[in-house]
Amino acid sequence: MPQAPIDAYSWPTPNGHKVHIMLEECGLPYRAHPVNIGKGDQFEPGFLAISPNNKIPAITDPQGPDGKPISLFESGAILVYLAGKTGKFLPEGDRARYEVLQWLMFQMGSVGPMLGQAHHFRIYAPEKLAYAIDRYSNEAKRLYGVIDKQLSRNKFIAGRTYSIADIAIFPWLRSWENQGIVLTDYPHLKEWFDGIAARPAVQRGVQVLAEHRKPIRDEKEREILFGKTQYQRR
């Protein structure tokens, strides 16, 4: 039976792009539904029903593992699910599989949160706090160094083959300038980055919903993204 389209509820952010790229790489049919996080779409009951943490992305697959629909949130979990569904980009062997998963967790636990904070305090914070800017900019440089060292010994993040670890990390490094990074300081990372960026599926993935993303335009959007609205109990 042909695969029914997967519904991807997302926005053109690094976490959103992870899933867009994975869907493109796997060749799965899907429909991308914009969840405008600047307008507060992430707090709508319909979205919260599938993403209770009110964060994008989330997916609904009408043909889940048991043939019944399944909804998932958290981008890392979605990558693991899609890899399991298609048998792509996550090795079957235990050793190689755990190599990939540890680098996926590295992205989820370090690269995303820390580079997100670097973005916030360097670009979006209404008050420029030198301590915060220095702290997260330095952490960004440290993380780039970790990745560069890993890529000095491996063609891809988790070894010799392209995997969900590469798919997870790449979108977060696309804004390296905003993170205070000089990419040429990390030659192994830069070579890898340029190679990933040249992949046709990656190029398609980062264009998904891209036309919807605009700079923060007013204080209402800023408040929704960074103010009290996001902390309300729902």
Protein backbone atom coordinates (compact mmCIF):
# COMPACT_ATOMS: atom_id res chain seq x y z
CA MET A 1 0.00 0.00 0.00
CA PRO A 2 1.43 3.41 -0.94
CA GLN A 3 2.54 5.61 1.94
CA ALA A 4 -0.05 8.24 2.78
CA PRO A 5 1.42 11.73 3.24
CA ILE A 6 2.87 12.51 6.64
CA ASP A 7 1.64 15.79 8.11
CA ALA A 8 4.55 17.90 9.37
CA TYR A 9 3.62 20.81 11.61
CA SER A 10 6.59 23.06 11.54
CA TRP A 11 8.32 26.40 10.98
CA PRO A 12 11.56 27.25 9.16
CA THR A 13 13.85 27.01 12.20
CA PRO A 14 16.79 24.65 12.73
CA ASN A 15 14.60 22.10 14.50
CA GLY A 16 11.98 22.37 11.79
CA HIS A 17 14.57 21.97 9.06
CA LYS A 18 15.86 18.75 10.62
CA VAL A 19 12.54 17.08 9.91
CA HIS A 20 12.08 18.72 6.51
CA ILE A 21 15.52 17.46 5.44
CA MET A 22 14.88 13.97 6.79
CA LEU A 23 11.57 13.70 4.95
CA GLU A 24 13.24 14.82 1.74
CA GLU A 25 16.19 12.48 2.20
CA CYS A 26 13.88 9.53 2.85
CA GLY A 27 11.67 10.35 -0.11
CA LEU A 28 8.52 10.17 1.99
CA PRO A 29 5.41 12.03 0.86
CA TYR A 30 4.47 14.78 3.30
CA ARG A 31 2.51 17.95 3.75
CA ALA A 32 4.15 20.87 5.57
CA HIS A 33 1.77 22.89 7.74
CA PRO A 34 3.15 26.22 8.97
CA VAL A 35 2.92 26.81 12.72
CA ASN A 36 3.65 30.52 13.01
CA ILE A 37 5.49 30.73 16.32
CA GLY A 38 5.60 34.52 16.13
CA LYS A 39 1.81 34.69 16.10
CA GLY A 40 1.32 32.05 18.79
CA ASP A 41 0.05 29.16 16.65
CA GLN A 42 2.05 26.80 18.88
CA PHE A 43 -0.38 27.47 21.73
CA GLU A 44 -3.50 26.46 19.79
CA PRO A 45 -5.33 23.44 21.26
CA GLY A 46 -5.08 21.47 18.03
CA PHE A 47 -1.30 21.77 17.98
CA LEU A 48 -0.95 21.14 21.71
CA ALA A 49 -2.83 17.87 21.21
CA ILE A 50 0.15 16.51 19.27
CA SER A 51 2.92 18.66 20.77
CA PRO A 52 2.16 19.19 24.47
CA ASN A 53 5.44 21.08 24.96
CA ASN A 54 4.14 23.75 22.50
CA LYS A 55 7.28 23.48 20.36
CA ILE A 56 7.73 22.73 16.69
CA PRO A 57 8.13 20.39 14.90
CA ALA A 58 5.56 17.65 15.30
CA ILE A 59 4.29 15.06 12.85
CA THR A 60 1.30 12.84 12.34
CA ASP A 61 1.82 9.69 10.33
CA PRO A 62 -1.45 8.07 9.25
CA GLN A 63 0.41 4.78 8.83
CA GLY A 64 2.17 4.22 12.13
CA PRO A 65 4.08 1.10 13.20
CA ASP A 66 0.87 -0.84 13.84
CA GLY A 67 -0.89 0.56 10.79
CA LYS A 68 -2.69 3.14 12.90
CA PRO A 69 -2.01 6.89 13.01
CA ILE A 70 0.76 8.09 15.31
CA SER A 71 1.71 11.62 16.35
CA LEU A 72 5.17 12.57 17.59
CA PHE A 73 6.86 15.69 18.90
CA GLU A 74 10.56 16.42 19.63
CA SER A 75 12.70 16.62 16.51
CA GLY A 76 15.20 13.98 17.65
CA ALA A 77 12.45 11.46 18.31
CA ILE A 78 10.96 12.22 14.91
CA LEU A 79 14.31 11.57 13.20
CA VAL A 80 14.65 8.22 14.98
CA TYR A 81 11.08 7.32 14.04
CA LEU A 82 11.52 8.18 10.36
CA ALA A 83 14.82 6.30 10.28
CA GLY A 84 13.10 3.25 11.73
CA LYS A 85 10.19 3.56 9.35
CA THR A 86 12.38 3.71 6.25
CA GLY A 87 15.51 1.85 7.33
CA LYS A 88 17.62 4.85 6.34
CA PHE A 89 20.29 6.97 8.05
CA LEU A 90 20.45 4.92 11.28
CA PRO A 91 22.61 1.77 11.15
CA GLU A 92 21.21 -1.60 12.16
CA GLY A 93 24.34 -2.82 13.93
CA ASP A 94 24.37 -2.03 17.64
CA ARG A 95 27.80 -0.38 17.76
CA ALA A 96 27.24 1.88 14.76
CA ARG A 97 23.69 2.65 15.89
CA TYR A 98 24.84 3.83 19.30
CA GLU A 99 27.57 5.93 17.69
CA VAL A 100 24.88 7.77 15.76
CA LEU A 101 22.52 8.08 18.71
CA GLN A 102 25.17 9.57 20.99
CA TRP A 103 25.85 12.33 18.46
CA LEU A 104 22.12 12.89 18.01
CA MET A 105 21.88 13.35 21.80
CA PHE A 106 24.89 15.70 21.60
CA GLN A 107 22.87 17.86 19.25
CA MET A 108 19.71 17.69 21.33
CA GLY A 109 21.45 18.32 24.65
CA SER A 110 24.25 20.70 23.67
CA VAL A 111 24.31 22.05 20.12
CA GLY A 112 20.66 23.12 19.95
CA PRO A 113 20.26 24.59 23.44
CA MET A 114 23.63 26.33 23.57
CA LEU A 115 23.59 27.77 20.06
CA GLY A 116 20.00 28.82 20.67
CA GLN A 117 21.14 30.80 23.70
CA ALA A 118 23.99 32.31 21.68
CA HIS A 119 21.43 33.46 19.10
CA HIS A 120 19.18 34.89 21.76
CA PHE A 121 21.71 36.93 23.66
CA ARG A 122 23.67 38.06 20.60
CA ILE A 123 20.70 38.93 18.38
CA TYR A 124 17.33 39.01 20.12
CA ALA A 125 17.77 40.00 23.76
CA PRO A 126 16.48 43.54 24.38
CA GLU A 127 19.42 44.18 26.69
CA LYS A 128 22.94 43.31 25.59
CA LEU A 129 24.38 41.42 28.55
CA ALA A 130 28.13 41.03 28.10
CA TYR A 131 28.34 38.10 30.51
CA ALA A 132 25.65 36.12 28.65
CA ILE A 133 27.04 36.99 25.22
CA ASP A 134 30.54 35.91 26.23
CA ARG A 135 29.35 32.76 27.96
CA TYR A 136 27.29 31.42 25.06
CA SER A 137 29.58 32.66 22.30
CA ASN A 138 32.48 30.85 23.96
CA GLU A 139 30.37 27.72 24.36
CA ALA A 140 29.48 27.92 20.67
CA LYS A 141 33.17 28.02 19.79
CA ARG A 142 33.83 25.05 22.07
CA LEU A 143 31.08 23.02 20.43
CA TYR A 144 32.32 23.86 16.95
CA GLY A 145 35.73 22.66 18.11
CA VAL A 146 34.28 19.36 19.31
CA ILE A 147 32.60 18.82 15.95
CA ASP A 148 35.71 19.86 14.01
CA LYS A 149 37.84 17.35 15.93
CA GLN A 150 35.33 14.58 15.31
CA LEU A 151 35.30 15.39 11.61
CA SER A 152 39.10 15.36 11.46
CA ARG A 153 38.83 11.60 11.98
CA ASN A 154 35.53 10.83 10.25
CA LYS A 155 33.87 11.76 6.98
CA PHE A 156 30.55 12.26 8.75
CA ILE A 157 29.56 13.13 12.29
CA ALA A 158 29.15 9.56 13.50
CA GLY A 159 31.60 7.77 11.25
CA ARG A 160 31.87 6.79 7.60
CA THR A 161 28.21 7.13 6.63
CA TYR A 162 25.71 9.98 6.49
CA SER A 163 23.15 9.67 9.28
CA ILE A 164 20.50 11.40 11.34
CA ALA A 165 23.35 12.86 13.40
CA ASP A 166 24.43 14.92 10.37
CA ILE A 167 20.84 15.82 9.60
CA ALA A 168 20.30 17.01 13.17
CA ILE A 169 23.46 19.10 13.52
CA PHE A 170 23.68 20.75 10.10
CA PRO A 171 20.68 23.14 10.39
CA TRP A 172 21.99 24.56 13.66
CA LEU A 173 25.29 25.55 12.04
CA ARG A 174 23.75 27.44 9.12
CA SER A 175 23.65 30.64 11.22
CA TRP A 176 27.29 30.42 12.26
CA GLU A 177 27.88 34.14 11.76
CA ASN A 178 25.13 35.01 14.26
CA GLN A 179 26.84 32.68 16.74
CA GLY A 180 30.10 34.62 16.57
CA ILE A 181 31.82 31.88 14.57
CA VAL A 182 34.42 32.19 11.80
CA LEU A 183 33.80 29.00 9.87
CA THR A 184 37.28 28.86 8.36
CA ASP A 185 38.63 28.43 11.91
CA TYR A 186 37.18 24.91 11.74
CA PRO A 187 38.45 23.46 8.43
CA HIS A 188 37.19 19.90 8.88
CA LEU A 189 33.77 21.14 9.92
CA LYS A 190 33.67 23.56 6.97
CA GLU A 191 34.47 20.81 4.47
CA TRP A 192 31.70 18.65 5.96
CA PHE A 193 29.28 21.60 6.10
CA ASP A 194 29.83 22.47 2.43
CA GLY A 195 29.31 18.83 1.45
CA ILE A 196 26.05 18.54 3.38
CA ALA A 197 24.80 21.88 2.02
CA ALA A 198 25.34 20.59 -1.53
CA ARG A 199 23.04 17.59 -1.09
CA PRO A 200 19.88 18.08 -3.20
CA ALA A 201 17.55 16.82 -0.45
CA VAL A 202 19.14 19.22 2.04
CA GLN A 203 18.71 22.10 -0.37
CA ARG A 204 15.05 21.22 -0.78
CA GLY A 205 14.56 20.71 2.95
CA VAL A 206 15.85 24.13 4.02
CA GLN A 207 13.49 25.79 1.56
CA VAL A 208 10.38 24.20 3.10
CA LEU A 209 8.22 27.00 4.56
CA ALA A 210 11.15 29.41 4.10
CA GLU A 211 8.90 32.00 2.51
CA HIS A 212 6.95 32.29 5.76
CA ARG A 213 9.84 33.33 7.96
CA LYS A 214 10.23 37.06 8.51
CA PRO A 215 12.26 39.15 10.96
CA ILE A 216 10.54 39.89 14.27
CA ARG A 217 8.35 42.83 13.38
CA ASP A 218 6.86 44.13 16.59
CA GLU A 219 6.81 43.85 20.36
CA LYS A 220 3.82 41.50 20.29
CA GLU A 221 5.81 38.89 18.37
CA ARG A 222 8.79 39.42 20.66
CA GLU A 223 6.58 38.91 23.71
CA ILE A 224 5.06 35.71 22.29
CA LEU A 225 8.50 34.29 21.51
CA PHE A 226 10.42 35.46 24.56
CA GLY A 227 7.99 36.88 27.10
CA LYS A 228 5.43 35.64 29.61
CA THR A 229 3.11 34.09 27.02
CA GLN A 230 5.33 31.06 26.53
CA TYR A 231 5.50 30.37 30.26
CA GLN A 232 1.76 30.16 30.87
CA ARG A 233 0.50 26.82 32.07
CA ARG A 234 -1.71 25.14 29.47
